[in-house]
């Protein structure tokens, strides 16, 4: 990822794919409200939000704002949750399936990817202890936790995401 990047809340997972020369503007929700971004039209090559859409009262306005601040051919990358416990920040309003994200991003010129990840066993473990989300996944292929993290059942997404081009 090159150019000017707006990252909203927790973009550390994306740093490995960002160029060292990229200009990264890092903000946090709710300090910077994605529904009313304080940036000029067409000023970013990428807009990234990580796990905040479920906390936004007016998601359509938030998505329109990310569209507004993107340059022509810029890309929006938004992750959110589907099967998750309620978590306040300050509120928790929505859950998004891949189909709902495709609908919400219909005004973008192209949806490059719109998927989800999860499985029943991962959901079960998260319900037992929400702290399980934060354990480091072992790289050993024969590890049970590696298998759980590697297995995806599209019927049970825990997280969902969309990558859309303006």
C-alpha atoms as a PDB file:
ATOM      1  CA  UNK A   1       0.000   0.000   0.000  1.00  0.00           C
ATOM      2  CA  UNK A   2       1.457   3.315  -1.128  1.00  0.00           C
ATOM      3  CA  UNK A   3       0.352   6.908  -0.988  1.00  0.00           C
ATOM      4  CA  UNK A   4      -1.745   8.576   1.670  1.00  0.00           C
ATOM      5  CA  UNK A   5      -3.502   6.199   4.075  1.00  0.00           C
ATOM      6  CA  UNK A   6      -6.191   7.032   6.625  1.00  0.00           C
ATOM      7  CA  UNK A   7      -6.293   4.398   9.351  1.00  0.00           C
ATOM      8  CA  UNK A   8      -9.128   4.436  11.840  1.00  0.00           C
ATOM      9  CA  UNK A   9      -8.766   2.375  15.030  1.00  0.00           C
ATOM     10  CA  UNK A  10      -6.268  -0.430  15.159  1.00  0.00           C
ATOM     11  CA  UNK A  11      -4.499  -0.573  11.806  1.00  0.00           C
ATOM     12  CA  UNK A  12      -1.464  -2.469  13.112  1.00  0.00           C
ATOM     13  CA  UNK A  13      -2.501  -5.630  11.244  1.00  0.00           C
ATOM     14  CA  UNK A  14      -2.182  -3.718   7.966  1.00  0.00           C
ATOM     15  CA  UNK A  15       1.286  -2.243   8.565  1.00  0.00           C
ATOM     16  CA  UNK A  16       3.057  -5.232   7.026  1.00  0.00           C
ATOM     17  CA  UNK A  17       1.508  -4.413   3.635  1.00  0.00           C
ATOM     18  CA  UNK A  18       2.151  -0.652   3.814  1.00  0.00           C
ATOM     19  CA  UNK A  19       5.091   0.914   2.015  1.00  0.00           C
ATOM     20  CA  UNK A  20       7.680   2.578   4.253  1.00  0.00           C
ATOM     21  CA  UNK A  21       7.133   5.717   2.156  1.00  0.00           C
ATOM     22  CA  UNK A  22       3.359   5.756   2.750  1.00  0.00           C
ATOM     23  CA  UNK A  23       1.974   8.746   4.603  1.00  0.00           C
ATOM     24  CA  UNK A  24      -0.180   7.233   7.337  1.00  0.00           C
ATOM     25  CA  UNK A  25      -2.724   9.345   9.192  1.00  0.00           C
ATOM     26  CA  UNK A  26      -3.726   7.226  12.185  1.00  0.00           C
ATOM     27  CA  UNK A  27      -6.860   8.112  14.136  1.00  0.00           C
ATOM     28  CA  UNK A  28      -9.207   6.420  16.552  1.00  0.00           C
ATOM     29  CA  UNK A  29     -12.961   6.191  16.778  1.00  0.00           C
ATOM     30  CA  UNK A  30     -14.835   7.842  18.505  1.00  0.00           C
ATOM     31  CA  UNK A  31     -12.272  10.689  18.773  1.00  0.00           C
ATOM     32  CA  UNK A  32     -12.497  11.023  14.983  1.00  0.00           C
ATOM     33  CA  UNK A  33     -16.026  10.245  13.825  1.00  0.00           C
ATOM     34  CA  UNK A  34     -16.053   8.264  10.572  1.00  0.00           C
ATOM     35  CA  UNK A  35     -19.559   9.637   9.960  1.00  0.00           C
ATOM     36  CA  UNK A  36     -18.088  13.169   9.709  1.00  0.00           C
ATOM     37  CA  UNK A  37     -14.461  12.880   8.655  1.00  0.00           C
ATOM     38  CA  UNK A  38     -12.498  16.145   9.045  1.00  0.00           C
ATOM     39  CA  UNK A  39     -10.589  15.661   5.766  1.00  0.00           C
ATOM     40  CA  UNK A  40     -10.924  17.128   2.279  1.00  0.00           C
ATOM     41  CA  UNK A  41     -12.593  15.330  -0.613  1.00  0.00           C
ATOM     42  CA  UNK A  42     -10.353  12.964  -2.595  1.00  0.00           C
ATOM     43  CA  UNK A  43      -7.427  13.194  -0.164  1.00  0.00           C
ATOM     44  CA  UNK A  44      -6.545   9.512   0.530  1.00  0.00           C
ATOM     45  CA  UNK A  45      -5.433   6.514  -1.495  1.00  0.00           C
ATOM     46  CA  UNK A  46      -6.687   4.128   1.195  1.00  0.00           C
ATOM     47  CA  UNK A  47      -9.196   4.350   4.029  1.00  0.00           C
ATOM     48  CA  UNK A  48      -8.956   1.533   6.565  1.00  0.00           C
ATOM     49  CA  UNK A  49     -11.198   0.936   9.546  1.00  0.00           C
ATOM     50  CA  UNK A  50     -10.740  -2.050  11.800  1.00  0.00           C
ATOM     51  CA  UNK A  51     -13.707  -3.295  13.798  1.00  0.00           C
ATOM     52  CA  UNK A  52     -15.636  -0.039  14.130  1.00  0.00           C
ATOM     53  CA  UNK A  53     -18.575  -0.252  11.709  1.00  0.00           C
ATOM     54  CA  UNK A  54     -20.594  -2.170  14.298  1.00  0.00           C
ATOM     55  CA  UNK A  55     -20.253   0.860  16.624  1.00  0.00           C
ATOM     56  CA  UNK A  56     -21.452   3.483  14.137  1.00  0.00           C
ATOM     57  CA  UNK A  57     -25.034   4.741  14.368  1.00  0.00           C
ATOM     58  CA  UNK A  58     -25.294   5.629  10.671  1.00  0.00           C
ATOM     59  CA  UNK A  59     -23.132   3.158   8.756  1.00  0.00           C
ATOM     60  CA  UNK A  60     -24.350   4.379   5.365  1.00  0.00           C
ATOM     61  CA  UNK A  61     -23.103   7.874   6.196  1.00  0.00           C
ATOM     62  CA  UNK A  62     -19.779   6.447   7.419  1.00  0.00           C
ATOM     63  CA  UNK A  63     -19.315   4.517   4.185  1.00  0.00           C
ATOM     64  CA  UNK A  64     -20.244   7.597   2.148  1.00  0.00           C
ATOM     65  CA  UNK A  65     -17.632   9.563   4.090  1.00  0.00           C
ATOM     66  CA  UNK A  66     -14.935   6.985   3.368  1.00  0.00           C
ATOM     67  CA  UNK A  67     -15.959   7.199  -0.322  1.00  0.00           C
ATOM     68  CA  UNK A  68     -15.813  11.011  -0.227  1.00  0.00           C
ATOM     69  CA  UNK A  69     -12.270  11.240   1.138  1.00  0.00           C
ATOM     70  CA  UNK A  70     -10.897   8.593  -1.255  1.00  0.00           C
ATOM     71  CA  UNK A  71      -9.069   9.644  -4.412  1.00  0.00           C
ATOM     72  CA  UNK A  72     -10.220   8.250  -7.757  1.00  0.00           C
ATOM     73  CA  UNK A  73      -9.412   4.508  -7.771  1.00  0.00           C
ATOM     74  CA  UNK A  74      -8.691   4.691  -4.023  1.00  0.00           C
ATOM     75  CA  UNK A  75      -9.536   1.697  -1.870  1.00  0.00           C
ATOM     76  CA  UNK A  76     -11.599   1.278   1.263  1.00  0.00           C
ATOM     77  CA  UNK A  77     -10.802  -1.622   3.577  1.00  0.00           C
ATOM     78  CA  UNK A  78     -13.260  -2.140   6.404  1.00  0.00           C
ATOM     79  CA  UNK A  79     -13.327  -5.038   8.861  1.00  0.00           C
ATOM     80  CA  UNK A  80     -16.187  -5.654  11.241  1.00  0.00           C
ATOM     81  CA  UNK A  81     -17.824  -8.432  13.208  1.00  0.00           C
ATOM     82  CA  UNK A  82     -20.687 -10.804  12.688  1.00  0.00           C
ATOM     83  CA  UNK A  83     -20.820 -13.438  15.444  1.00  0.00           C
ATOM     84  CA  UNK A  84     -19.415 -11.692  18.498  1.00  0.00           C
ATOM     85  CA  UNK A  85     -20.481 -10.836  22.013  1.00  0.00           C
ATOM     86  CA  UNK A  86     -21.786  -7.306  22.550  1.00  0.00           C
ATOM     87  CA  UNK A  87     -18.850  -4.977  23.153  1.00  0.00           C
ATOM     88  CA  UNK A  88     -19.285  -1.291  23.935  1.00  0.00           C
ATOM     89  CA  UNK A  89     -17.198   1.441  22.305  1.00  0.00           C
ATOM     90  CA  UNK A  90     -19.262   3.450  23.322  1.00  0.00           C
ATOM     91  CA  UNK A  91     -22.188   1.422  21.877  1.00  0.00           C
ATOM     92  CA  UNK A  92     -22.593  -1.757  19.817  1.00  0.00           C
ATOM     93  CA  UNK A  93     -25.316  -1.375  17.175  1.00  0.00           C
ATOM     94  CA  UNK A  94     -24.867  -3.771  14.240  1.00  0.00           C
ATOM     95  CA  UNK A  95     -23.634  -7.069  12.824  1.00  0.00           C
ATOM     96  CA  UNK A  96     -22.623  -7.408   9.162  1.00  0.00           C
ATOM     97  CA  UNK A  97     -22.707 -10.467   6.943  1.00  0.00           C
ATOM     98  CA  UNK A  98     -20.669 -10.406   3.710  1.00  0.00           C
ATOM     99  CA  UNK A  99     -23.959  -9.886   1.826  1.00  0.00           C
ATOM    100  CA  UNK A 100     -24.801  -6.816   3.913  1.00  0.00           C
ATOM    101  CA  UNK A 101     -21.331  -5.360   3.286  1.00  0.00           C
ATOM    102  CA  UNK A 102     -21.720  -5.919  -0.468  1.00  0.00           C
ATOM    103  CA  UNK A 103     -25.021  -4.057  -0.291  1.00  0.00           C
ATOM    104  CA  UNK A 104     -23.604  -1.173   1.753  1.00  0.00           C
ATOM    105  CA  UNK A 105     -20.660  -0.739  -0.635  1.00  0.00           C
ATOM    106  CA  UNK A 106     -22.779  -0.961  -3.808  1.00  0.00           C
ATOM    107  CA  UNK A 107     -21.921   2.619  -4.841  1.00  0.00           C
ATOM    108  CA  UNK A 108     -18.209   1.847  -5.091  1.00  0.00           C
ATOM    109  CA  UNK A 109     -17.030   1.034  -8.621  1.00  0.00           C
ATOM    110  CA  UNK A 110     -15.837  -2.444  -7.670  1.00  0.00           C
ATOM    111  CA  UNK A 111     -15.838  -4.761  -4.686  1.00  0.00           C
ATOM    112  CA  UNK A 112     -12.493  -6.538  -4.812  1.00  0.00           C
ATOM    113  CA  UNK A 113     -13.145  -8.841  -1.877  1.00  0.00           C
ATOM    114  CA  UNK A 114     -15.984  -9.301   0.574  1.00  0.00           C
ATOM    115  CA  UNK A 115     -15.775 -12.310   2.855  1.00  0.00           C
ATOM    116  CA  UNK A 116     -15.866 -13.583   6.390  1.00  0.00           C
ATOM    117  CA  UNK A 117     -13.897 -15.931   8.573  1.00  0.00           C
ATOM    118  CA  UNK A 118     -15.015 -18.216  11.358  1.00  0.00           C
ATOM    119  CA  UNK A 119     -16.103 -21.705  12.310  1.00  0.00           C
ATOM    120  CA  UNK A 120     -18.282 -23.350  14.952  1.00  0.00           C
ATOM    121  CA  UNK A 121     -15.383 -24.480  17.121  1.00  0.00           C
ATOM    122  CA  UNK A 122     -13.860 -20.976  17.188  1.00  0.00           C
ATOM    123  CA  UNK A 123     -17.247 -19.535  18.140  1.00  0.00           C
ATOM    124  CA  UNK A 124     -17.623 -22.130  20.901  1.00  0.00           C
ATOM    125  CA  UNK A 125     -14.177 -21.286  22.313  1.00  0.00           C
ATOM    126  CA  UNK A 126     -14.900 -17.548  22.194  1.00  0.00           C
ATOM    127  CA  UNK A 127     -18.150 -18.152  24.066  1.00  0.00           C
ATOM    128  CA  UNK A 128     -16.212 -20.083  26.736  1.00  0.00           C
ATOM    129  CA  UNK A 129     -13.696 -17.279  27.166  1.00  0.00           C
ATOM    130  CA  UNK A 130     -13.496 -14.053  25.223  1.00  0.00           C
ATOM    131  CA  UNK A 131      -9.755 -13.955  26.100  1.00  0.00           C
ATOM    132  CA  UNK A 132      -9.166 -16.774  23.591  1.00  0.00           C
ATOM    133  CA  UNK A 133      -9.268 -14.117  20.842  1.00  0.00           C
ATOM    134  CA  UNK A 134      -5.944 -12.712  21.957  1.00  0.00           C
ATOM    135  CA  UNK A 135      -3.773 -15.823  22.117  1.00  0.00           C
ATOM    136  CA  UNK A 136      -0.960 -16.114  19.597  1.00  0.00           C
ATOM    137  CA  UNK A 137      -1.707 -18.785  16.999  1.00  0.00           C
ATOM    138  CA  UNK A 138       1.060 -21.411  16.948  1.00  0.00           C
ATOM    139  CA  UNK A 139       2.758 -21.857  13.569  1.00  0.00           C
ATOM    140  CA  UNK A 140       2.943 -25.642  14.019  1.00  0.00           C
ATOM    141  CA  UNK A 141       0.531 -27.195  11.524  1.00  0.00           C
ATOM    142  CA  UNK A 142      -0.338 -30.015  13.958  1.00  0.00           C
ATOM    143  CA  UNK A 143      -1.474 -27.570  16.643  1.00  0.00           C
ATOM    144  CA  UNK A 144      -5.202 -27.634  17.436  1.00  0.00           C
ATOM    145  CA  UNK A 145      -5.255 -23.834  17.659  1.00  0.00           C
ATOM    146  CA  UNK A 146      -3.525 -23.581  14.278  1.00  0.00           C
ATOM    147  CA  UNK A 147      -6.201 -25.819  12.764  1.00  0.00           C
ATOM    148  CA  UNK A 148      -9.012 -23.787  14.332  1.00  0.00           C
ATOM    149  CA  UNK A 149      -7.457 -20.526  13.068  1.00  0.00           C
ATOM    150  CA  UNK A 150      -6.910 -21.991   9.582  1.00  0.00           C
ATOM    151  CA  UNK A 151     -10.351 -23.553   9.152  1.00  0.00           C
ATOM    152  CA  UNK A 152     -13.089 -21.395   7.655  1.00  0.00           C
ATOM    153  CA  UNK A 153     -16.775 -22.264   7.460  1.00  0.00           C
ATOM    154  CA  UNK A 154     -18.546 -19.531   5.482  1.00  0.00           C
ATOM    155  CA  UNK A 155     -21.805 -20.226   7.354  1.00  0.00           C
ATOM    156  CA  UNK A 156     -20.269 -19.110  10.672  1.00  0.00           C
ATOM    157  CA  UNK A 157     -18.306 -15.878  10.164  1.00  0.00           C
ATOM    158  CA  UNK A 158     -16.923 -14.293  13.299  1.00  0.00           C
ATOM    159  CA  UNK A 159     -15.349 -11.390  11.406  1.00  0.00           C
ATOM    160  CA  UNK A 160     -16.244  -9.983   8.013  1.00  0.00           C
ATOM    161  CA  UNK A 161     -14.519  -7.515   5.709  1.00  0.00           C
ATOM    162  CA  UNK A 162     -14.804  -5.658   2.462  1.00  0.00           C
ATOM    163  CA  UNK A 163     -12.190  -4.225   0.119  1.00  0.00           C
ATOM    164  CA  UNK A 164     -13.797  -1.819  -2.335  1.00  0.00           C
ATOM    165  CA  UNK A 165     -12.451   0.476  -5.030  1.00  0.00           C
ATOM    166  CA  UNK A 166     -13.855   3.987  -5.549  1.00  0.00           C
END
